N, C-alpha and C. Protein backbone atom coordinates (compact mmCIF):
# COMPACT_ATOMS: atom_id res chain seq x y z
N MET A 1 67.13 -94.68 58.36
CA MET A 1 67.86 -95.84 57.85
C MET A 1 69.27 -95.85 58.44
N THR A 2 69.51 -96.73 59.36
CA THR A 2 70.82 -96.83 59.98
C THR A 2 71.79 -97.60 59.09
N ALA A 3 73.06 -97.27 59.22
CA ALA A 3 74.09 -97.94 58.44
C ALA A 3 74.39 -99.32 59.03
N ASN A 4 75.03 -100.13 58.25
CA ASN A 4 75.46 -101.45 58.69
C ASN A 4 76.38 -101.31 59.91
N PRO A 5 76.06 -101.95 61.03
CA PRO A 5 76.92 -101.82 62.21
C PRO A 5 78.32 -102.41 62.01
N ARG A 6 78.52 -103.20 60.97
CA ARG A 6 79.84 -103.76 60.70
C ARG A 6 80.77 -102.76 60.00
N LYS A 7 80.21 -101.68 59.48
CA LYS A 7 81.03 -100.69 58.78
C LYS A 7 81.90 -99.93 59.78
N THR A 8 83.05 -99.48 59.31
CA THR A 8 83.92 -98.68 60.17
C THR A 8 83.31 -97.31 60.44
N GLY A 9 83.65 -96.73 61.60
CA GLY A 9 83.20 -95.40 61.93
C GLY A 9 84.14 -94.32 61.45
N SER A 10 85.33 -94.70 60.99
CA SER A 10 86.30 -93.72 60.46
C SER A 10 87.06 -94.38 59.30
N ILE A 11 88.21 -95.00 59.59
CA ILE A 11 88.91 -95.80 58.59
C ILE A 11 89.34 -97.11 59.24
N ARG A 12 89.48 -98.14 58.41
CA ARG A 12 89.96 -99.44 58.88
C ARG A 12 91.01 -99.93 57.90
N HIS A 13 92.22 -100.15 58.41
CA HIS A 13 93.30 -100.65 57.57
C HIS A 13 93.14 -102.15 57.40
N LEU A 14 93.02 -102.59 56.14
CA LEU A 14 92.81 -104.00 55.84
C LEU A 14 94.09 -104.71 55.44
N GLY A 15 95.15 -103.96 55.23
CA GLY A 15 96.44 -104.56 54.94
C GLY A 15 96.92 -104.32 53.52
N PRO A 16 98.20 -104.63 53.27
CA PRO A 16 98.77 -104.44 51.92
C PRO A 16 98.22 -105.46 50.94
N VAL A 17 98.13 -105.06 49.68
CA VAL A 17 97.68 -105.94 48.61
C VAL A 17 98.67 -105.83 47.44
N HIS A 18 98.70 -106.86 46.61
CA HIS A 18 99.61 -106.86 45.47
C HIS A 18 98.94 -106.12 44.31
N ILE A 19 99.47 -104.96 43.97
CA ILE A 19 98.84 -104.12 42.96
C ILE A 19 99.68 -103.95 41.71
N SER A 20 100.87 -104.54 41.65
CA SER A 20 101.82 -104.20 40.59
C SER A 20 101.26 -104.44 39.19
N GLU A 21 100.63 -105.59 38.96
CA GLU A 21 100.11 -105.89 37.63
C GLU A 21 98.93 -104.99 37.28
N LEU A 22 98.05 -104.78 38.25
CA LEU A 22 96.90 -103.91 38.02
C LEU A 22 97.35 -102.48 37.77
N LYS A 23 98.28 -102.00 38.58
CA LYS A 23 98.77 -100.63 38.40
C LYS A 23 99.40 -100.45 37.03
N LYS A 24 100.19 -101.41 36.61
CA LYS A 24 100.84 -101.33 35.30
C LYS A 24 99.80 -101.21 34.19
N ALA A 25 98.75 -102.01 34.27
CA ALA A 25 97.70 -101.97 33.24
C ALA A 25 96.93 -100.66 33.28
N VAL A 26 96.66 -100.15 34.47
CA VAL A 26 95.92 -98.91 34.60
C VAL A 26 96.72 -97.74 34.05
N LEU A 27 98.00 -97.68 34.36
CA LEU A 27 98.83 -96.58 33.89
C LEU A 27 99.04 -96.64 32.38
N ALA A 28 98.83 -97.81 31.78
CA ALA A 28 98.97 -97.94 30.33
C ALA A 28 97.69 -97.60 29.57
N LEU A 29 96.61 -97.33 30.28
CA LEU A 29 95.35 -97.02 29.62
C LEU A 29 95.47 -95.72 28.82
N PRO A 30 95.04 -95.72 27.58
CA PRO A 30 95.08 -94.47 26.80
C PRO A 30 94.01 -93.49 27.28
N GLU A 31 94.25 -92.22 27.04
CA GLU A 31 93.29 -91.20 27.46
C GLU A 31 91.93 -91.41 26.79
N SER A 32 91.93 -91.97 25.60
CA SER A 32 90.66 -92.18 24.90
C SER A 32 89.74 -93.13 25.66
N VAL A 33 90.32 -94.12 26.34
CA VAL A 33 89.51 -95.03 27.15
C VAL A 33 88.97 -94.31 28.38
N TRP A 34 89.82 -93.57 29.07
CA TRP A 34 89.33 -92.77 30.21
C TRP A 34 88.21 -91.83 29.78
N ASP A 35 88.38 -91.17 28.64
CA ASP A 35 87.37 -90.22 28.17
C ASP A 35 86.05 -90.93 27.87
N ALA A 36 86.12 -92.03 27.15
CA ALA A 36 84.89 -92.73 26.76
C ALA A 36 84.17 -93.31 27.97
N GLU A 37 84.92 -93.92 28.88
CA GLU A 37 84.30 -94.53 30.05
C GLU A 37 83.75 -93.47 31.00
N ASN A 38 84.47 -92.38 31.16
CA ASN A 38 83.98 -91.32 32.04
C ASN A 38 82.71 -90.68 31.48
N ASP A 39 82.65 -90.53 30.17
CA ASP A 39 81.48 -89.93 29.54
C ASP A 39 80.23 -90.79 29.70
N SER A 40 80.41 -92.11 29.84
CA SER A 40 79.25 -93.00 29.92
C SER A 40 79.02 -93.55 31.33
N LYS A 41 79.71 -93.02 32.32
CA LYS A 41 79.64 -93.59 33.67
C LYS A 41 78.25 -93.37 34.29
N PRO A 42 77.81 -94.33 35.12
CA PRO A 42 76.50 -94.19 35.77
C PRO A 42 76.53 -93.39 37.07
N ASN A 43 77.71 -93.12 37.61
CA ASN A 43 77.82 -92.41 38.89
C ASN A 43 78.08 -90.93 38.67
N ARG A 44 77.04 -90.23 38.25
CA ARG A 44 77.17 -88.80 37.99
C ARG A 44 76.61 -88.02 39.18
N PHE A 45 77.49 -87.74 40.14
CA PHE A 45 77.12 -87.01 41.33
C PHE A 45 77.90 -85.70 41.36
N ASP A 46 77.24 -84.63 41.79
CA ASP A 46 77.87 -83.31 41.78
C ASP A 46 79.18 -83.29 42.55
N ALA A 47 79.22 -83.99 43.68
CA ALA A 47 80.43 -83.94 44.52
C ALA A 47 81.63 -84.56 43.85
N LEU A 48 81.42 -85.38 42.82
CA LEU A 48 82.51 -86.12 42.18
C LEU A 48 82.99 -85.50 40.88
N ASP A 49 82.62 -84.26 40.62
CA ASP A 49 82.94 -83.63 39.34
C ASP A 49 84.44 -83.57 39.07
N ALA A 50 85.25 -83.53 40.13
CA ALA A 50 86.70 -83.42 39.94
C ALA A 50 87.35 -84.77 39.65
N THR A 51 86.58 -85.83 39.61
CA THR A 51 87.12 -87.18 39.46
C THR A 51 86.61 -87.84 38.19
N ARG A 52 87.52 -88.48 37.46
CA ARG A 52 87.14 -89.28 36.29
C ARG A 52 87.08 -90.74 36.71
N HIS A 53 86.17 -91.49 36.09
CA HIS A 53 85.95 -92.86 36.51
C HIS A 53 85.96 -93.83 35.33
N ILE A 54 86.40 -95.04 35.61
CA ILE A 54 86.13 -96.20 34.77
C ILE A 54 85.37 -97.17 35.65
N VAL A 55 84.11 -97.39 35.35
CA VAL A 55 83.23 -98.20 36.19
C VAL A 55 83.13 -99.60 35.61
N PHE A 56 83.49 -100.58 36.41
CA PHE A 56 83.43 -101.99 35.99
C PHE A 56 82.12 -102.66 36.40
N ARG A 57 81.67 -102.36 37.60
CA ARG A 57 80.39 -102.89 38.09
C ARG A 57 79.67 -101.76 38.81
N PHE A 58 78.31 -101.81 38.78
CA PHE A 58 77.54 -100.76 39.44
C PHE A 58 76.19 -101.31 39.87
N VAL A 59 75.59 -100.67 40.86
CA VAL A 59 74.28 -101.10 41.34
C VAL A 59 73.22 -100.81 40.28
N SER A 60 72.24 -101.71 40.21
CA SER A 60 71.17 -101.55 39.23
C SER A 60 70.22 -100.43 39.60
N ASN A 61 70.09 -100.15 40.90
CA ASN A 61 69.32 -99.00 41.38
C ASN A 61 69.94 -98.56 42.69
N PHE A 62 69.49 -97.42 43.18
CA PHE A 62 70.11 -96.86 44.38
C PHE A 62 69.37 -97.26 45.66
N ILE A 63 68.54 -98.30 45.57
CA ILE A 63 67.81 -98.79 46.73
C ILE A 63 68.41 -100.08 47.25
N ASP A 64 68.75 -101.00 46.34
CA ASP A 64 69.12 -102.36 46.73
C ASP A 64 70.55 -102.69 46.30
N TRP A 65 71.45 -102.81 47.27
CA TRP A 65 72.85 -103.11 46.99
C TRP A 65 73.06 -104.54 46.50
N ARG A 66 72.05 -105.38 46.60
CA ARG A 66 72.18 -106.78 46.17
C ARG A 66 72.03 -106.93 44.66
N GLN A 67 71.57 -105.88 44.00
CA GLN A 67 71.35 -105.93 42.55
C GLN A 67 72.38 -105.04 41.85
N SER A 68 73.19 -105.66 41.00
CA SER A 68 74.21 -104.91 40.29
C SER A 68 74.38 -105.47 38.89
N PHE A 69 75.11 -104.75 38.06
CA PHE A 69 75.32 -105.19 36.69
C PHE A 69 76.78 -104.95 36.29
N ASP A 70 77.24 -105.74 35.33
CA ASP A 70 78.59 -105.61 34.82
C ASP A 70 78.62 -104.61 33.66
N ARG A 71 79.59 -103.72 33.70
CA ARG A 71 79.81 -102.80 32.58
C ARG A 71 80.72 -103.48 31.55
N PRO A 72 80.85 -102.92 30.34
CA PRO A 72 81.56 -103.60 29.26
C PRO A 72 82.99 -104.06 29.57
N LEU A 73 83.74 -103.31 30.36
CA LEU A 73 85.14 -103.66 30.60
C LEU A 73 85.34 -104.69 31.71
N TRP A 74 84.29 -105.06 32.42
CA TRP A 74 84.44 -105.96 33.57
C TRP A 74 85.09 -107.28 33.18
N ASN A 75 84.57 -107.95 32.17
CA ASN A 75 85.11 -109.26 31.80
C ASN A 75 86.57 -109.19 31.38
N GLU A 76 86.93 -108.12 30.68
CA GLU A 76 88.32 -107.95 30.25
C GLU A 76 89.26 -107.76 31.43
N TRP A 77 88.80 -107.05 32.46
CA TRP A 77 89.66 -106.69 33.59
C TRP A 77 89.54 -107.64 34.77
N ARG A 78 88.62 -108.57 34.74
CA ARG A 78 88.43 -109.49 35.86
C ARG A 78 89.71 -110.19 36.31
N PRO A 79 90.53 -110.71 35.39
CA PRO A 79 91.74 -111.42 35.84
C PRO A 79 92.68 -110.54 36.66
N LEU A 80 92.69 -109.24 36.40
CA LEU A 80 93.52 -108.32 37.17
C LEU A 80 92.84 -107.84 38.44
N LEU A 81 91.53 -107.65 38.38
CA LEU A 81 90.80 -107.08 39.51
C LEU A 81 90.51 -108.10 40.60
N GLU A 82 90.08 -109.29 40.23
CA GLU A 82 89.59 -110.23 41.24
C GLU A 82 90.64 -110.64 42.28
N PRO A 83 91.91 -110.85 41.91
CA PRO A 83 92.89 -111.15 42.96
C PRO A 83 93.06 -110.02 43.97
N VAL A 84 93.01 -108.77 43.49
CA VAL A 84 93.13 -107.62 44.40
C VAL A 84 91.90 -107.52 45.29
N LEU A 85 90.72 -107.71 44.72
CA LEU A 85 89.49 -107.66 45.50
C LEU A 85 89.49 -108.73 46.59
N ALA A 86 89.90 -109.93 46.23
CA ALA A 86 89.91 -111.04 47.19
C ALA A 86 90.91 -110.79 48.31
N GLN A 87 92.09 -110.32 47.97
CA GLN A 87 93.10 -110.07 48.99
C GLN A 87 92.69 -108.93 49.90
N ALA A 88 92.09 -107.90 49.33
CA ALA A 88 91.70 -106.74 50.13
C ALA A 88 90.60 -107.06 51.13
N THR A 89 89.75 -108.02 50.82
CA THR A 89 88.60 -108.32 51.67
C THR A 89 88.77 -109.56 52.53
N ALA A 90 89.93 -110.20 52.48
CA ALA A 90 90.14 -111.44 53.23
C ALA A 90 89.93 -111.27 54.73
N ALA A 91 90.26 -110.08 55.24
CA ALA A 91 90.17 -109.86 56.69
C ALA A 91 88.74 -109.95 57.22
N TYR A 92 87.74 -109.75 56.36
CA TYR A 92 86.36 -109.81 56.82
C TYR A 92 85.93 -111.24 57.11
N GLY A 93 86.48 -112.20 56.41
CA GLY A 93 86.15 -113.59 56.66
C GLY A 93 84.77 -114.02 56.21
N TYR A 94 84.17 -113.31 55.27
CA TYR A 94 82.84 -113.67 54.79
C TYR A 94 82.92 -114.89 53.87
N ALA A 95 82.05 -115.85 54.11
CA ALA A 95 82.00 -117.04 53.25
C ALA A 95 81.39 -116.71 51.89
N ASN A 96 80.46 -115.75 51.88
CA ASN A 96 79.77 -115.36 50.65
C ASN A 96 79.75 -113.84 50.56
N GLY A 97 80.76 -113.30 49.93
CA GLY A 97 80.83 -111.85 49.76
C GLY A 97 80.53 -111.46 48.34
N ALA A 98 80.06 -110.22 48.15
CA ALA A 98 79.72 -109.73 46.81
C ALA A 98 80.23 -108.30 46.66
N PHE A 99 80.47 -107.93 45.40
CA PHE A 99 81.03 -106.62 45.06
C PHE A 99 80.04 -105.89 44.15
N PRO A 100 79.13 -105.10 44.70
CA PRO A 100 78.14 -104.44 43.86
C PRO A 100 78.69 -103.29 43.02
N ARG A 101 79.74 -102.63 43.48
CA ARG A 101 80.35 -101.54 42.71
C ARG A 101 81.86 -101.73 42.71
N VAL A 102 82.45 -101.61 41.51
CA VAL A 102 83.90 -101.69 41.34
C VAL A 102 84.28 -100.66 40.29
N MET A 103 85.26 -99.81 40.61
CA MET A 103 85.61 -98.75 39.67
C MET A 103 87.02 -98.24 39.91
N LEU A 104 87.56 -97.56 38.93
CA LEU A 104 88.77 -96.77 39.06
C LEU A 104 88.37 -95.30 39.17
N ALA A 105 89.04 -94.57 40.04
CA ALA A 105 88.78 -93.14 40.20
C ALA A 105 90.09 -92.38 40.06
N ARG A 106 90.10 -91.40 39.18
CA ARG A 106 91.33 -90.66 38.86
C ARG A 106 91.11 -89.17 39.10
N MET A 107 91.94 -88.61 39.94
CA MET A 107 91.86 -87.18 40.25
C MET A 107 93.15 -86.49 39.84
N ALA A 108 93.04 -85.49 39.01
CA ALA A 108 94.21 -84.76 38.54
C ALA A 108 94.75 -83.84 39.63
N PRO A 109 95.99 -83.38 39.50
CA PRO A 109 96.53 -82.40 40.44
C PRO A 109 95.60 -81.19 40.55
N GLY A 110 95.38 -80.75 41.76
CA GLY A 110 94.49 -79.63 42.00
C GLY A 110 93.04 -80.02 42.16
N GLY A 111 92.73 -81.30 41.97
CA GLY A 111 91.35 -81.76 42.09
C GLY A 111 90.86 -81.77 43.53
N VAL A 112 89.58 -81.51 43.67
CA VAL A 112 88.93 -81.49 45.00
C VAL A 112 87.58 -82.18 44.90
N ILE A 113 87.30 -83.07 45.82
CA ILE A 113 85.94 -83.60 46.01
C ILE A 113 85.36 -82.91 47.21
N GLN A 114 84.26 -82.22 47.02
CA GLN A 114 83.67 -81.43 48.09
C GLN A 114 83.10 -82.33 49.19
N PRO A 115 83.02 -81.83 50.42
CA PRO A 115 82.48 -82.63 51.53
C PRO A 115 81.07 -83.13 51.22
N HIS A 116 80.83 -84.40 51.47
CA HIS A 116 79.53 -85.01 51.20
C HIS A 116 79.41 -86.32 51.96
N ARG A 117 78.21 -86.82 52.03
CA ARG A 117 77.93 -88.16 52.55
C ARG A 117 77.27 -88.96 51.45
N ASP A 118 77.58 -90.24 51.37
CA ASP A 118 76.91 -91.10 50.41
C ASP A 118 75.48 -91.32 50.90
N GLN A 119 74.50 -90.87 50.13
CA GLN A 119 73.14 -90.76 50.64
C GLN A 119 72.22 -91.92 50.31
N SER A 120 72.46 -92.64 49.23
CA SER A 120 71.48 -93.62 48.78
C SER A 120 71.39 -94.81 49.72
N PRO A 121 70.22 -95.44 49.83
CA PRO A 121 70.10 -96.65 50.66
C PRO A 121 71.09 -97.74 50.27
N ALA A 122 71.40 -97.85 48.98
CA ALA A 122 72.32 -98.90 48.53
C ALA A 122 73.75 -98.67 49.00
N ALA A 123 74.06 -97.47 49.50
CA ALA A 123 75.40 -97.18 49.99
C ALA A 123 75.54 -97.39 51.50
N LYS A 124 74.43 -97.64 52.19
CA LYS A 124 74.45 -97.71 53.65
C LYS A 124 74.91 -99.06 54.18
N TRP A 125 74.84 -100.12 53.37
CA TRP A 125 75.12 -101.45 53.90
C TRP A 125 76.50 -101.99 53.53
N PRO A 126 76.96 -101.89 52.29
CA PRO A 126 78.27 -102.45 51.95
C PRO A 126 79.42 -101.65 52.56
N HIS A 127 80.52 -102.36 52.79
CA HIS A 127 81.78 -101.69 53.14
C HIS A 127 82.28 -100.92 51.91
N LYS A 128 82.82 -99.74 52.14
CA LYS A 128 83.39 -98.93 51.07
C LYS A 128 84.91 -98.99 51.19
N ILE A 129 85.59 -99.53 50.18
CA ILE A 129 87.01 -99.83 50.28
C ILE A 129 87.79 -99.14 49.16
N HIS A 130 88.92 -98.56 49.53
CA HIS A 130 89.83 -97.93 48.57
C HIS A 130 91.16 -98.68 48.56
N VAL A 131 91.72 -98.84 47.36
CA VAL A 131 93.09 -99.32 47.21
C VAL A 131 93.82 -98.31 46.32
N PRO A 132 94.64 -97.44 46.90
CA PRO A 132 95.39 -96.48 46.08
C PRO A 132 96.39 -97.20 45.17
N LEU A 133 96.28 -96.92 43.88
CA LEU A 133 97.21 -97.47 42.89
C LEU A 133 98.32 -96.48 42.57
N GLN A 134 97.99 -95.20 42.63
CA GLN A 134 98.98 -94.14 42.45
C GLN A 134 98.54 -92.96 43.30
N THR A 135 99.46 -92.42 44.07
CA THR A 135 99.12 -91.28 44.91
C THR A 135 100.38 -90.45 45.12
N ASN A 136 100.28 -89.41 45.94
CA ASN A 136 101.44 -88.61 46.30
C ASN A 136 101.24 -88.10 47.72
N ASP A 137 102.27 -87.56 48.31
CA ASP A 137 102.22 -87.17 49.72
C ASP A 137 101.26 -86.01 50.00
N ASP A 138 100.82 -85.34 48.94
CA ASP A 138 99.96 -84.18 49.12
C ASP A 138 98.49 -84.47 48.80
N VAL A 139 98.12 -85.74 48.80
CA VAL A 139 96.71 -86.13 48.69
C VAL A 139 96.18 -86.39 50.10
N THR A 140 95.09 -85.74 50.45
CA THR A 140 94.48 -85.95 51.77
C THR A 140 93.03 -86.38 51.62
N PHE A 141 92.62 -87.25 52.51
CA PHE A 141 91.25 -87.73 52.59
C PHE A 141 90.73 -87.31 53.96
N GLU A 142 89.69 -86.51 53.97
CA GLU A 142 89.13 -86.00 55.23
C GLU A 142 87.83 -86.72 55.55
N ILE A 143 87.71 -87.21 56.77
CA ILE A 143 86.47 -87.82 57.25
C ILE A 143 86.11 -87.20 58.59
N ASP A 144 84.94 -86.56 58.63
CA ASP A 144 84.44 -85.94 59.86
C ASP A 144 85.50 -85.07 60.54
N GLY A 145 86.21 -84.30 59.74
CA GLY A 145 87.16 -83.33 60.27
C GLY A 145 88.56 -83.84 60.51
N SER A 146 88.81 -85.14 60.34
CA SER A 146 90.15 -85.70 60.51
C SER A 146 90.75 -86.01 59.15
N ASN A 147 92.03 -85.67 58.97
CA ASN A 147 92.70 -85.87 57.70
C ASN A 147 93.55 -87.15 57.72
N TYR A 148 93.51 -87.86 56.61
CA TYR A 148 94.26 -89.10 56.47
C TYR A 148 94.98 -89.10 55.12
N HIS A 149 96.13 -89.76 55.10
CA HIS A 149 96.80 -90.04 53.82
C HIS A 149 96.74 -91.54 53.60
N LEU A 150 96.19 -91.95 52.46
CA LEU A 150 96.02 -93.37 52.16
C LEU A 150 97.22 -93.84 51.36
N PRO A 151 98.02 -94.75 51.89
CA PRO A 151 99.24 -95.15 51.20
C PRO A 151 98.97 -96.05 50.00
N GLU A 152 99.83 -95.96 49.03
CA GLU A 152 99.72 -96.78 47.83
C GLU A 152 99.85 -98.27 48.19
N GLY A 153 98.97 -99.08 47.60
CA GLY A 153 99.07 -100.52 47.78
C GLY A 153 98.49 -101.06 49.06
N GLU A 154 97.74 -100.25 49.80
CA GLU A 154 97.09 -100.74 51.01
C GLU A 154 95.58 -100.62 50.86
N ALA A 155 94.86 -101.67 51.24
CA ALA A 155 93.40 -101.65 51.21
C ALA A 155 92.89 -101.01 52.50
N ILE A 156 91.97 -100.06 52.35
CA ILE A 156 91.46 -99.31 53.50
C ILE A 156 89.96 -99.13 53.35
N GLU A 157 89.21 -99.53 54.39
CA GLU A 157 87.78 -99.24 54.40
C GLU A 157 87.57 -97.84 54.96
N LEU A 158 86.68 -97.09 54.32
CA LEU A 158 86.39 -95.72 54.73
C LEU A 158 84.93 -95.58 55.11
N ASN A 159 84.66 -94.70 56.05
CA ASN A 159 83.29 -94.45 56.47
C ASN A 159 82.61 -93.51 55.49
N ASN A 160 81.85 -94.08 54.55
CA ASN A 160 81.18 -93.24 53.56
C ASN A 160 79.91 -92.61 54.10
N MET A 161 79.52 -92.96 55.33
CA MET A 161 78.39 -92.31 55.97
C MET A 161 78.81 -91.02 56.67
N GLY A 162 80.09 -90.89 56.96
CA GLY A 162 80.60 -89.66 57.54
C GLY A 162 80.79 -88.60 56.47
N LEU A 163 80.95 -87.36 56.91
CA LEU A 163 81.21 -86.26 55.98
C LEU A 163 82.65 -86.40 55.49
N HIS A 164 82.82 -86.64 54.17
CA HIS A 164 84.16 -86.89 53.68
C HIS A 164 84.45 -86.06 52.43
N ALA A 165 85.75 -85.81 52.24
CA ALA A 165 86.21 -84.97 51.14
C ALA A 165 87.63 -85.39 50.77
N VAL A 166 88.06 -85.01 49.57
CA VAL A 166 89.40 -85.35 49.08
C VAL A 166 90.00 -84.13 48.41
N ALA A 167 91.31 -83.97 48.56
CA ALA A 167 92.03 -82.91 47.85
C ALA A 167 93.37 -83.46 47.37
N ASN A 168 93.69 -83.19 46.11
CA ASN A 168 95.00 -83.56 45.55
C ASN A 168 95.79 -82.28 45.34
N ARG A 169 96.66 -81.98 46.27
CA ARG A 169 97.49 -80.78 46.19
C ARG A 169 98.88 -81.08 45.62
N GLY A 170 99.06 -82.30 45.13
CA GLY A 170 100.34 -82.70 44.58
C GLY A 170 100.45 -82.41 43.09
N SER A 171 101.47 -83.01 42.47
CA SER A 171 101.75 -82.74 41.06
C SER A 171 101.50 -83.95 40.17
N THR A 172 100.96 -85.02 40.74
CA THR A 172 100.66 -86.23 39.96
C THR A 172 99.20 -86.64 40.19
N ASP A 173 98.69 -87.44 39.27
CA ASP A 173 97.33 -87.96 39.42
C ASP A 173 97.22 -88.86 40.65
N ARG A 174 96.06 -88.88 41.22
CA ARG A 174 95.71 -89.83 42.28
C ARG A 174 94.73 -90.82 41.66
N ILE A 175 95.09 -92.10 41.62
CA ILE A 175 94.24 -93.14 41.04
C ILE A 175 93.97 -94.21 42.08
N HIS A 176 92.69 -94.43 42.37
CA HIS A 176 92.29 -95.44 43.34
C HIS A 176 91.41 -96.50 42.69
N LEU A 177 91.57 -97.73 43.11
CA LEU A 177 90.55 -98.75 42.90
C LEU A 177 89.58 -98.61 44.06
N ILE A 178 88.31 -98.37 43.74
CA ILE A 178 87.27 -98.19 44.77
C ILE A 178 86.20 -99.23 44.55
N PHE A 179 85.78 -99.88 45.63
CA PHE A 179 84.73 -100.89 45.48
C PHE A 179 83.95 -101.04 46.78
N GLU A 180 82.79 -101.66 46.65
CA GLU A 180 81.94 -101.97 47.79
C GLU A 180 81.90 -103.49 47.98
N TYR A 181 81.68 -103.90 49.23
CA TYR A 181 81.71 -105.32 49.57
C TYR A 181 80.72 -105.57 50.68
N PHE A 182 79.95 -106.64 50.55
CA PHE A 182 79.01 -106.98 51.64
C PHE A 182 78.88 -108.48 51.76
N ASP A 183 78.38 -108.88 52.93
CA ASP A 183 78.18 -110.28 53.27
C ASP A 183 76.78 -110.70 52.84
N ILE A 184 76.69 -111.57 51.85
CA ILE A 184 75.38 -112.01 51.36
C ILE A 184 74.58 -112.69 52.47
N ASP A 185 75.27 -113.33 53.40
CA ASP A 185 74.58 -114.08 54.46
C ASP A 185 74.13 -113.22 55.64
N GLN A 186 74.54 -111.96 55.67
CA GLN A 186 74.12 -111.09 56.77
C GLN A 186 72.64 -110.74 56.64
N PRO A 187 71.85 -110.89 57.71
CA PRO A 187 70.43 -110.54 57.63
C PRO A 187 70.23 -109.09 57.19
N LEU A 188 69.20 -108.86 56.40
CA LEU A 188 68.89 -107.51 55.94
C LEU A 188 68.41 -106.65 57.10
N PRO A 189 68.65 -105.35 57.04
CA PRO A 189 68.17 -104.47 58.11
C PRO A 189 66.65 -104.35 58.07
N ASP A 190 66.05 -104.06 59.21
CA ASP A 190 64.59 -103.93 59.29
C ASP A 190 64.07 -102.85 58.36
N TRP A 191 64.83 -101.78 58.23
CA TRP A 191 64.34 -100.66 57.42
C TRP A 191 64.24 -101.01 55.94
N PHE A 192 64.95 -102.06 55.50
CA PHE A 192 64.94 -102.38 54.07
C PHE A 192 63.56 -102.88 53.64
N ALA A 193 62.95 -103.73 54.42
CA ALA A 193 61.60 -104.23 54.11
C ALA A 193 60.60 -103.07 54.13
N ASP A 194 60.75 -102.18 55.10
CA ASP A 194 59.85 -101.02 55.17
C ASP A 194 60.01 -100.14 53.93
N LEU A 195 61.24 -99.95 53.48
CA LEU A 195 61.49 -99.13 52.30
C LEU A 195 60.89 -99.77 51.05
N GLN A 196 61.04 -101.07 50.91
CA GLN A 196 60.45 -101.77 49.77
C GLN A 196 58.92 -101.65 49.78
N ALA A 197 58.35 -101.74 50.97
CA ALA A 197 56.88 -101.62 51.08
C ALA A 197 56.43 -100.22 50.68
N GLN A 198 57.18 -99.20 51.08
CA GLN A 198 56.83 -97.83 50.72
C GLN A 198 56.91 -97.62 49.21
N ILE A 199 57.94 -98.19 48.60
CA ILE A 199 58.11 -98.04 47.15
C ILE A 199 56.98 -98.77 46.42
N ALA A 200 56.63 -99.96 46.90
CA ALA A 200 55.56 -100.72 46.29
C ALA A 200 54.23 -99.97 46.41
N ALA A 201 53.99 -99.37 47.58
CA ALA A 201 52.74 -98.64 47.78
C ALA A 201 52.68 -97.41 46.90
N ALA A 202 53.80 -96.75 46.71
CA ALA A 202 53.85 -95.54 45.89
C ALA A 202 53.63 -95.87 44.42
N GLY A 203 53.97 -97.11 44.01
CA GLY A 203 53.82 -97.49 42.63
C GLY A 203 52.43 -97.96 42.26
N ARG A 204 51.57 -98.11 43.23
CA ARG A 204 50.20 -98.58 42.95
C ARG A 204 49.35 -97.48 42.37
């Protein structure tokens, strides 16, 4: 299963976005909300143990990125999230874009995300985009052996098919808005129909 050829091979800077209102609201969130949302999150992957999440939207299964569902906080946060999402993705120029996954990710000082690749078929097609809302100079994002620092308030697409890892060696939390984005009008890859056929045959 090959990845979407439109995805970046390393990182792609999409430009600055206005995060002030969103950041203010995120920093005002009580710990009880972080605890409750993290406890019920659908993205429980071993590599992400060092990160707490508030998930607004998520894929309905790990096969098809076109199918997603809204989590309870999505409607409440839409007025703050949608302007940032739109501004961050304007450079792609898609007439019909969709956001199958939208979440906040919070890593405490000393946190580490171990090297991994996003493995599910649903992760191979959408662009994976980060918007740092709070960071520090000692947070590094490694992709295929190269280290990057993602600046606060800039939208950046990352290669989630590459081997990537994160470390927060600073003294403050690192909080990112992370989301996926794809072009609804882009033809599906050949392997997707084959995968659906295999799943259908296995279910008989």
